[in-house]
Protein backbone atom coordinates (compact mmCIF):
# COMPACT_ATOMS: atom_id res chain seq x y z
CA MET A 1 136.66 107.13 92.22
CA LEU A 2 134.12 108.89 94.59
CA ILE A 3 132.59 110.88 91.68
CA ARG A 4 132.13 107.63 89.54
CA ARG A 5 130.49 105.90 92.68
CA LYS A 6 128.20 108.87 93.10
CA SER A 7 127.30 108.94 89.39
CA PHE A 8 126.60 105.20 89.55
CA ASP A 9 124.49 105.38 92.67
CA LEU A 10 122.53 108.31 91.12
CA CYS A 11 121.96 106.37 87.84
CA THR A 12 120.71 103.44 90.02
CA LEU A 13 118.22 105.80 91.77
CA ILE A 14 116.90 106.91 88.60
CA PHE A 15 116.47 103.35 87.39
CA ILE A 16 114.78 102.56 90.76
CA VAL A 17 112.31 105.47 90.29
CA ILE A 18 111.62 104.58 86.52
CA GLY A 19 111.08 100.87 87.54
CA SER A 20 108.89 101.61 90.50
CA LEU A 21 106.70 104.47 88.95
CA PHE A 22 106.53 103.97 85.19
CA VAL A 23 103.30 102.40 83.63
CA PHE A 24 104.19 100.84 80.17
CA ARG A 25 100.79 99.41 79.31
CA ILE A 26 97.19 99.14 80.24
CA ARG A 27 96.14 96.06 82.14
CA GLU A 28 92.68 94.55 82.52
CA TYR A 29 91.11 95.68 85.71
CA GLY A 30 92.17 93.27 88.62
CA SER A 31 94.32 91.29 86.29
CA GLU A 32 96.63 88.90 88.11
CA ALA A 33 98.80 87.94 85.07
CA VAL A 34 102.53 88.42 85.32
CA ASP A 35 103.95 90.72 82.67
CA PHE A 36 107.10 92.48 81.92
CA GLN A 37 106.24 95.52 84.13
CA ILE A 38 106.76 93.48 87.24
CA ILE A 39 109.93 92.09 85.85
CA ILE A 40 111.32 95.65 85.55
CA ARG A 41 110.21 96.65 89.00
CA LEU A 42 111.73 93.50 90.48
CA LEU A 43 114.96 94.34 88.84
CA ALA A 44 114.65 97.91 90.26
CA TRP A 45 113.77 96.76 93.64
CA GLY A 46 116.52 94.10 93.65
CA ALA A 47 119.11 96.82 92.91
CA ALA A 48 117.61 98.97 95.69
CA ALA A 49 118.07 96.15 98.19
CA ALA A 50 121.24 94.39 96.99
CA LEU A 51 123.58 97.46 96.69
CA PRO A 52 122.94 98.77 100.31
CA ILE A 53 123.29 95.26 101.78
CA ALA A 54 126.52 94.48 99.76
CA TYR A 55 128.00 97.81 100.96
CA PHE A 56 127.11 97.55 104.53
CA ILE A 57 128.42 93.91 104.60
CA ARG A 58 131.66 94.76 102.81
CA HIS A 59 132.57 97.65 105.04
CA ASN A 60 131.12 96.17 108.32
CA TYR A 61 129.03 99.36 108.59
CA ASN A 62 126.80 99.91 111.55
CA TRP A 63 123.50 100.44 109.88
CA GLY A 64 121.34 100.19 112.97
CA ILE A 65 118.24 102.03 113.68
CA ILE A 66 118.89 105.85 113.53
CA ASN A 67 115.73 107.12 115.54
CA ASN A 68 112.61 106.06 117.02
CA HIS A 69 110.46 106.93 113.88
CA GLU A 70 112.60 104.47 111.86
CA LEU A 71 112.00 101.96 114.58
CA PHE A 72 108.29 102.05 114.15
CA LEU A 73 108.75 101.73 110.39
CA VAL A 74 111.04 98.62 110.80
CA LEU A 75 108.55 97.14 113.17
CA PHE A 76 105.74 97.54 110.55
CA PHE A 77 107.91 95.74 108.08
CA LEU A 78 108.36 92.92 110.68
CA LEU A 79 104.72 92.74 111.17
CA GLY A 80 104.34 92.41 107.43
CA PHE A 81 106.51 89.34 107.32
CA VAL A 82 104.41 87.86 110.32
CA MET A 83 101.29 88.48 108.39
CA ILE A 84 102.25 87.00 105.02
CA PRO A 85 100.85 83.53 105.87
CA PHE A 86 97.48 84.98 106.52
CA SER A 87 97.33 87.04 103.13
CA GLU A 88 94.74 86.04 100.45
CA ASN A 89 97.75 86.22 98.10
CA ALA A 90 100.93 85.55 100.02
CA PHE A 91 103.15 85.85 96.96
CA ARG A 92 101.77 89.25 96.02
CA SER A 93 102.06 90.41 99.70
CA SER A 94 105.77 89.31 99.71
CA ILE A 95 106.44 91.13 96.60
CA VAL A 96 104.71 94.31 98.00
CA LEU A 97 106.70 94.06 101.30
CA PHE A 98 109.96 93.56 99.37
CA SER A 99 109.34 96.73 97.41
CA TYR A 100 108.63 98.79 100.40
CA ILE A 101 111.92 97.37 102.27
CA SER A 102 114.03 97.94 99.15
CA ILE A 103 113.12 101.64 98.71
CA TYR A 104 113.69 102.17 102.33
CA LEU A 105 117.14 100.56 102.32
CA TYR A 106 118.35 102.59 99.41
CA ILE A 107 117.27 105.90 100.61
CA LYS A 108 119.04 105.03 103.93
CA TYR A 109 121.97 103.87 102.06
CA LEU A 110 122.51 107.13 100.10
CA TYR A 111 121.86 109.07 103.23
CA LEU A 112 124.54 107.18 105.34
CA ARG A 113 127.11 106.94 102.67
CA TYR A 114 126.79 110.56 101.27
CA SER A 115 124.54 113.10 102.88
CA ASP A 116 121.05 114.60 103.23
CA ASP A 117 121.94 116.83 100.40
CA PHE A 118 122.82 114.18 98.05
CA VAL A 119 119.56 112.49 98.70
CA ILE A 120 117.52 115.42 97.73
CA SER A 121 119.59 116.20 94.60
CA GLY A 122 119.15 112.66 93.59
CA ILE A 123 115.44 112.58 94.12
CA VAL A 124 115.17 115.89 92.13
CA ILE A 125 117.07 114.52 89.21
CA ALA A 126 115.26 111.24 89.16
CA PHE A 127 111.76 112.84 89.60
CA SER A 128 112.74 115.25 86.76
CA VAL A 129 112.99 112.37 84.47
CA VAL A 130 109.30 111.25 85.51
CA VAL A 131 107.98 114.69 84.74
CA ILE A 132 109.54 115.04 81.37
CA CYS A 133 108.38 111.64 80.42
CA SER A 134 104.98 112.16 81.86
CA ILE A 135 104.58 115.38 79.68
CA PHE A 136 105.45 113.12 76.53
CA TYR A 137 103.05 110.52 77.79
CA TYR A 138 100.33 113.09 78.00
CA LEU A 139 100.81 114.71 74.51
CA PHE A 140 101.71 111.69 72.37
CA LEU A 141 100.29 108.63 74.31
CA PRO A 142 96.99 109.76 75.66
CA ASP A 143 95.89 106.23 76.48
CA LEU A 144 98.72 105.94 78.87
CA GLY A 145 99.31 109.54 79.95
CA ARG A 146 95.76 110.44 81.00
CA HIS A 147 93.63 109.08 83.69
CA ILE A 148 91.72 106.01 82.62
CA TYR A 149 89.05 104.19 84.67
CA TRP A 150 86.77 101.27 84.58
CA TYR A 151 82.96 101.60 84.64
CA ASP A 152 80.56 98.82 83.95
CA ASP A 153 83.50 96.87 82.46
CA GLU A 154 84.14 99.62 79.94
CA LEU A 155 87.40 101.65 79.77
CA PHE A 156 87.38 105.58 79.78
CA VAL A 157 90.03 108.00 79.06
CA SER A 158 89.61 111.38 80.78
CA LYS A 159 91.45 114.67 80.21
CA ARG A 160 93.26 114.57 83.62
CA MET A 161 97.03 113.90 83.48
CA SER A 162 98.28 110.51 84.77
CA GLY A 163 101.65 110.81 83.03
CA VAL A 164 103.85 107.79 83.53
CA LEU A 165 101.99 106.82 86.87
CA ASN A 166 98.94 104.78 87.09
CA THR A 167 96.35 107.45 88.08
CA SER A 168 95.75 111.08 87.79
CA ASN A 169 95.71 111.34 91.78
CA ALA A 170 99.02 109.68 91.91
CA MET A 171 100.38 112.13 89.26
CA GLY A 172 99.12 114.88 91.41
CA GLY A 173 100.60 113.48 94.54
CA PHE A 174 104.03 112.86 92.79
CA CYS A 175 104.12 116.38 91.62
CA ALA A 176 103.32 117.93 94.87
CA ILE A 177 106.07 115.88 96.57
CA PHE A 178 108.47 116.86 93.86
CA ILE A 179 107.68 120.47 94.42
CA LEU A 180 108.61 120.32 98.03
CA PHE A 181 111.79 118.67 97.15
CA LEU A 182 112.41 121.44 94.50
CA VAL A 183 111.80 124.11 96.92
CA THR A 184 114.36 122.85 99.22
CA ALA A 185 116.90 122.21 96.60
CA ILE A 186 116.38 125.92 95.56
CA LYS A 187 116.86 127.13 99.11
CA LYS A 188 119.91 124.97 99.62
CA GLN A 189 121.38 125.82 96.12
CA LEU A 190 122.04 122.13 95.51
CA LEU A 191 121.71 122.16 91.73
CA ASN A 192 121.70 124.69 88.71
CA PHE A 193 119.10 127.33 89.46
CA SER A 194 117.77 127.61 85.84
CA PHE A 195 117.23 123.97 85.83
CA LEU A 196 115.37 124.02 89.05
CA LYS A 197 113.22 126.77 87.97
CA VAL A 198 112.30 124.86 84.80
CA MET A 199 111.44 121.82 86.50
CA MET A 200 109.45 124.06 89.12
CA PHE A 201 107.32 125.38 86.24
CA LEU A 202 106.80 121.86 84.78
CA ALA A 203 106.01 120.46 87.98
CA VAL A 204 103.26 122.88 88.78
CA CYS A 205 101.82 122.57 85.37
CA CYS A 206 101.72 118.80 85.69
CA LEU A 207 100.05 119.15 89.16
CA LEU A 208 97.36 121.42 87.61
CA LEU A 209 96.77 119.04 84.81
CA SER A 210 96.25 116.16 87.19
CA ASN A 211 93.39 118.17 88.74
CA SER A 212 94.04 116.55 91.99
CA LYS A 213 92.60 119.04 94.51
CA THR A 214 93.72 117.06 97.58
CA SER A 215 97.30 117.19 96.56
CA ILE A 216 97.06 120.89 95.59
CA ALA A 217 95.64 121.79 98.94
CA ALA A 218 98.18 119.39 100.85
CA VAL A 219 101.17 120.85 99.19
CA LEU A 220 100.12 124.46 99.90
CA LEU A 221 99.80 123.62 103.65
CA ALA A 222 102.96 121.35 103.71
CA SER A 223 105.08 124.25 102.00
CA LEU A 224 104.27 126.43 105.14
CA PHE A 225 106.94 124.05 107.00
CA LEU A 226 109.57 125.27 104.50
CA ILE A 227 109.09 128.79 105.31
CA GLU A 228 111.43 130.55 107.81
CA LYS A 229 110.01 130.67 111.31
CA GLY A 230 109.59 134.57 111.26
CA ARG A 231 107.39 134.38 108.30
CA PHE A 232 105.60 131.17 109.16
CA LYS A 233 102.80 132.68 111.28
CA PHE A 234 102.17 135.44 108.60
CA PHE A 235 101.60 132.86 105.93
CA VAL A 236 99.41 130.67 108.05
CA TYR A 237 97.17 133.68 108.91
CA LEU A 238 97.26 134.80 105.19
CA MET A 239 96.02 131.33 103.87
CA LEU A 240 93.35 130.86 106.75
CA GLY A 241 92.11 134.41 106.15
CA SER A 242 91.98 134.13 102.36
CA SER A 243 90.09 130.78 102.64
CA LEU A 244 87.67 132.17 105.28
CA ILE A 245 86.85 135.13 103.08
CA PHE A 246 86.54 132.94 99.94
CA VAL A 247 84.21 130.64 101.69
CA ILE A 248 82.04 133.47 103.20
CA PHE A 249 81.70 135.08 99.93
CA ALA A 250 80.77 131.82 98.11
CA VAL A 251 77.99 131.04 100.82
CA LEU A 252 76.54 134.58 100.53
CA ILE A 253 76.38 134.29 96.82
CA ASP A 254 75.27 130.64 96.15
CA PHE A 255 76.78 127.71 98.04
CA SER A 256 75.39 125.06 95.57
CA SER A 257 77.02 126.97 92.75
CA LEU A 258 80.40 126.71 94.57
CA LEU A 259 80.03 122.93 94.82
CA VAL A 260 79.15 122.63 91.19
CA LEU A 261 82.31 124.85 90.43
CA LEU A 262 84.65 122.85 92.59
CA SER A 263 83.35 119.40 91.42
CA ARG A 264 85.02 117.65 88.36
CA HIS A 265 81.71 116.73 86.65
CA GLY A 266 79.38 119.48 87.96
CA ASP A 267 77.82 117.19 90.53
CA PRO A 268 77.82 118.64 94.06
CA ASN A 269 77.56 115.26 95.46
CA GLU A 270 81.19 114.48 94.35
CA LEU A 271 82.38 116.98 96.94
CA LEU A 272 79.80 115.93 99.62
CA THR A 273 80.76 112.37 99.42
CA PHE A 274 84.67 113.15 98.82
CA THR A 275 84.29 111.80 95.28
CA GLY A 276 82.46 108.68 96.23
CA ARG A 277 84.75 107.87 99.26
CA THR A 278 81.98 107.81 101.74
CA PHE A 279 80.54 104.77 99.84
CA ILE A 280 83.95 102.96 100.00
CA TRP A 281 84.87 103.49 103.68
CA PRO A 282 81.91 101.56 105.35
CA VAL A 283 82.25 98.70 102.91
CA VAL A 284 85.91 98.32 103.56
CA PHE A 285 85.52 98.82 107.21
CA ASP A 286 82.83 96.06 107.57
CA VAL A 287 84.78 93.72 105.45
CA ALA A 288 88.02 94.35 107.52
CA LEU A 289 86.01 93.57 110.67
CA GLU A 290 85.79 89.98 109.63
CA ARG A 291 89.53 89.62 109.83
CA PRO A 292 90.35 92.17 112.46
CA PHE A 293 93.80 90.79 113.69
CA THR A 294 95.32 89.55 110.56
CA GLY A 295 93.81 91.51 107.72
CA TYR A 296 93.75 90.30 104.08
CA GLY A 297 97.29 91.06 103.19
CA LEU A 298 99.38 93.89 101.74
CA GLY A 299 98.55 94.80 98.06
CA VAL A 300 95.54 92.50 97.56
CA SER A 301 92.91 95.13 97.86
CA SER A 302 92.71 95.91 94.20
CA ALA A 303 91.29 92.51 93.32
CA ALA A 304 89.57 91.84 96.69
CA ILE A 305 87.63 95.16 96.95
CA SER A 306 86.43 94.96 93.46
CA GLU A 307 84.20 92.07 94.59
CA PHE A 308 82.18 94.57 96.53
CA SER A 309 81.69 97.02 93.57
CA TYR A 310 78.15 96.14 93.52
CA LEU A 311 77.73 97.84 97.11
CA ILE A 312 79.99 100.81 96.23
CA GLY A 313 78.79 101.53 92.82
CA TYR A 314 82.18 101.26 90.97
CA THR A 315 85.46 99.33 91.47
CA PRO A 316 87.95 101.11 93.72
CA ALA A 317 91.55 99.87 93.77
CA HIS A 318 92.02 100.63 97.64
CA ALA A 319 90.34 101.90 100.86
CA HIS A 320 91.22 105.51 100.05
CA ASN A 321 92.19 106.12 103.44
CA LEU A 322 95.69 105.11 104.95
CA VAL A 323 94.65 103.79 108.28
CA LEU A 324 91.71 102.10 107.05
CA GLN A 325 93.84 100.45 104.25
CA ALA A 326 96.23 99.32 106.93
CA PHE A 327 93.37 97.80 109.03
CA TYR A 328 92.14 96.04 105.96
CA SER A 329 95.62 94.76 105.05
CA MET A 330 97.31 94.00 108.40
CA GLY A 331 94.61 94.22 111.01
CA VAL A 332 94.50 96.38 114.08
CA PHE A 333 98.11 96.03 114.86
CA GLY A 334 99.11 97.31 111.39
CA SER A 335 96.58 100.23 111.56
CA VAL A 336 98.09 101.36 114.99
CA LEU A 337 101.66 101.22 113.66
CA ILE A 338 100.79 103.08 110.52
CA LEU A 339 98.92 105.72 112.70
CA VAL A 340 102.07 106.09 115.00
CA ILE A 341 104.34 106.44 111.85
CA LEU A 342 101.92 108.96 110.37
CA LEU A 343 101.66 111.18 113.43
CA TYR A 344 105.32 110.83 114.83
CA ASN A 345 106.63 114.13 113.34
CA PHE A 346 103.67 115.93 115.09
CA PHE A 347 104.86 114.93 118.55
CA LYS A 348 108.65 114.74 117.79
CA VAL A 349 109.28 117.76 115.36
CA SER A 350 112.34 117.33 113.13
CA SER A 351 114.94 120.22 112.69
CA ASN A 352 114.81 119.16 109.02
CA GLN A 353 112.15 121.31 107.40
CA LEU A 354 111.60 119.01 104.44
CA SER A 355 110.92 116.11 106.71
CA ASN A 356 108.28 118.05 108.58
CA ALA A 357 106.83 119.32 105.24
CA LEU A 358 106.57 115.70 103.77
CA ALA A 359 105.14 114.39 107.06
CA MET A 360 102.31 117.04 106.85
CA PHE A 361 101.74 116.27 103.14
CA LEU A 362 101.47 112.46 103.81
CA PHE A 363 99.02 113.10 106.70
CA ILE A 364 96.69 115.25 104.69
CA THR A 365 96.73 113.00 101.68
CA SER A 366 96.32 109.99 103.90
CA LEU A 367 92.92 111.10 104.87
CA LEU A 368 91.50 110.52 101.41
CA GLU A 369 94.09 108.23 99.74
CA ALA A 370 95.89 104.88 100.80
CA SER A 371 99.13 106.65 100.25
CA TYR A 372 102.17 104.46 100.63
CA LEU A 373 99.92 101.24 101.19
CA ALA A 374 98.00 101.72 97.95
CA GLY A 375 100.07 98.86 96.26
CA VAL A 376 103.62 98.42 95.56
CA ALA A 377 106.32 100.99 96.67
CA SER A 378 105.87 104.32 94.85
CA TYR A 379 106.70 107.99 95.34
CA SER A 380 105.01 108.28 98.63
CA LEU A 381 107.00 105.41 100.07
CA MET A 382 110.11 107.32 98.88
CA ALA A 383 108.83 110.32 100.64
CA LEU A 384 108.10 108.40 103.82
CA ALA A 385 111.56 106.91 103.72
CA TYR A 386 113.23 110.30 103.60
CA THR A 387 110.93 111.60 106.31
CA VAL A 388 111.88 108.66 108.67
CA VAL A 389 115.54 108.51 107.90
CA CYS A 390 116.87 111.81 106.83
CA LYS A 391 115.70 113.79 109.88
CA ARG A 392 117.50 115.69 112.59
CA CYS A 393 115.51 115.82 115.84
């Protein structure tokens, strides 16, 4: 009976991951039309919320707050409810908040009902489906599997891998988080070793194909938290020393050539402006200052920020910074709560190495991406839920 229940919950997790992450068709930029993708996602999030609630009620289970980190996350959800009436699109903000809470509840349900190891194994299996399907998308459905972007109302398809996700940066972040889970699964010997090695190879290949430099750098730094304490300082010094030697060597030869080499399109300004982010941040901040206490609502930035494309130069989907995105979406109180959630693991270190590694990864990527506030619940929200719930302080 327990084996069948575990199999059912694992299949449900796979469905939730597919429903939350997969992109099945290209939509017009800023489109507000309802399509079958949101129906699939609502079904997935409905299952993610209904199963835990039914289980906790049926068994009269005490599913209270586990730790202070989780308390701050719950407070953020409550603030989200309070801010819904002030949203520019209350219906969309409600759906976005529902997706966050659903993923959080299901991760917590798996952790409380089974174990930390079951959560890791389940996420590894579910994420493996995403990677395999992403490779298929990339090879056989390039319009879906490669990064697309809108410029002057024209759609462009690049060589960067986006897989089943909506952007190449999202694919890179997903693969990086998947790698951290894979390393932990290998260390704990949770699944077949050959399977884990193959998935590690595929995940690294997909990460490189995404060409997400932020995710590559973040996963290298975050992986240090998965190293045993005796080797931690050695690897820190090794990475810092190697980086310093590389920078000194590059500066002595030709710094401008280094910038050209590291940029995606041969333009040094891409790095100097963080790929155009320095144009986005002041515009979003100025707009957010007009509603500093309520914000504009969760999940509305893809349509709202596009109105200021004439100031930015293109049409970004979000603020490309987590705290700034929180300020834009939920005002100053939302940004403060997000900052506390983001930095909590640095003040209260968990004995769970994976939790610390994910916290570091989310912190680094949040500097240049909206992370788990970019839209509806995605892989980063799953990582946050694990970091918050499955920790041992």
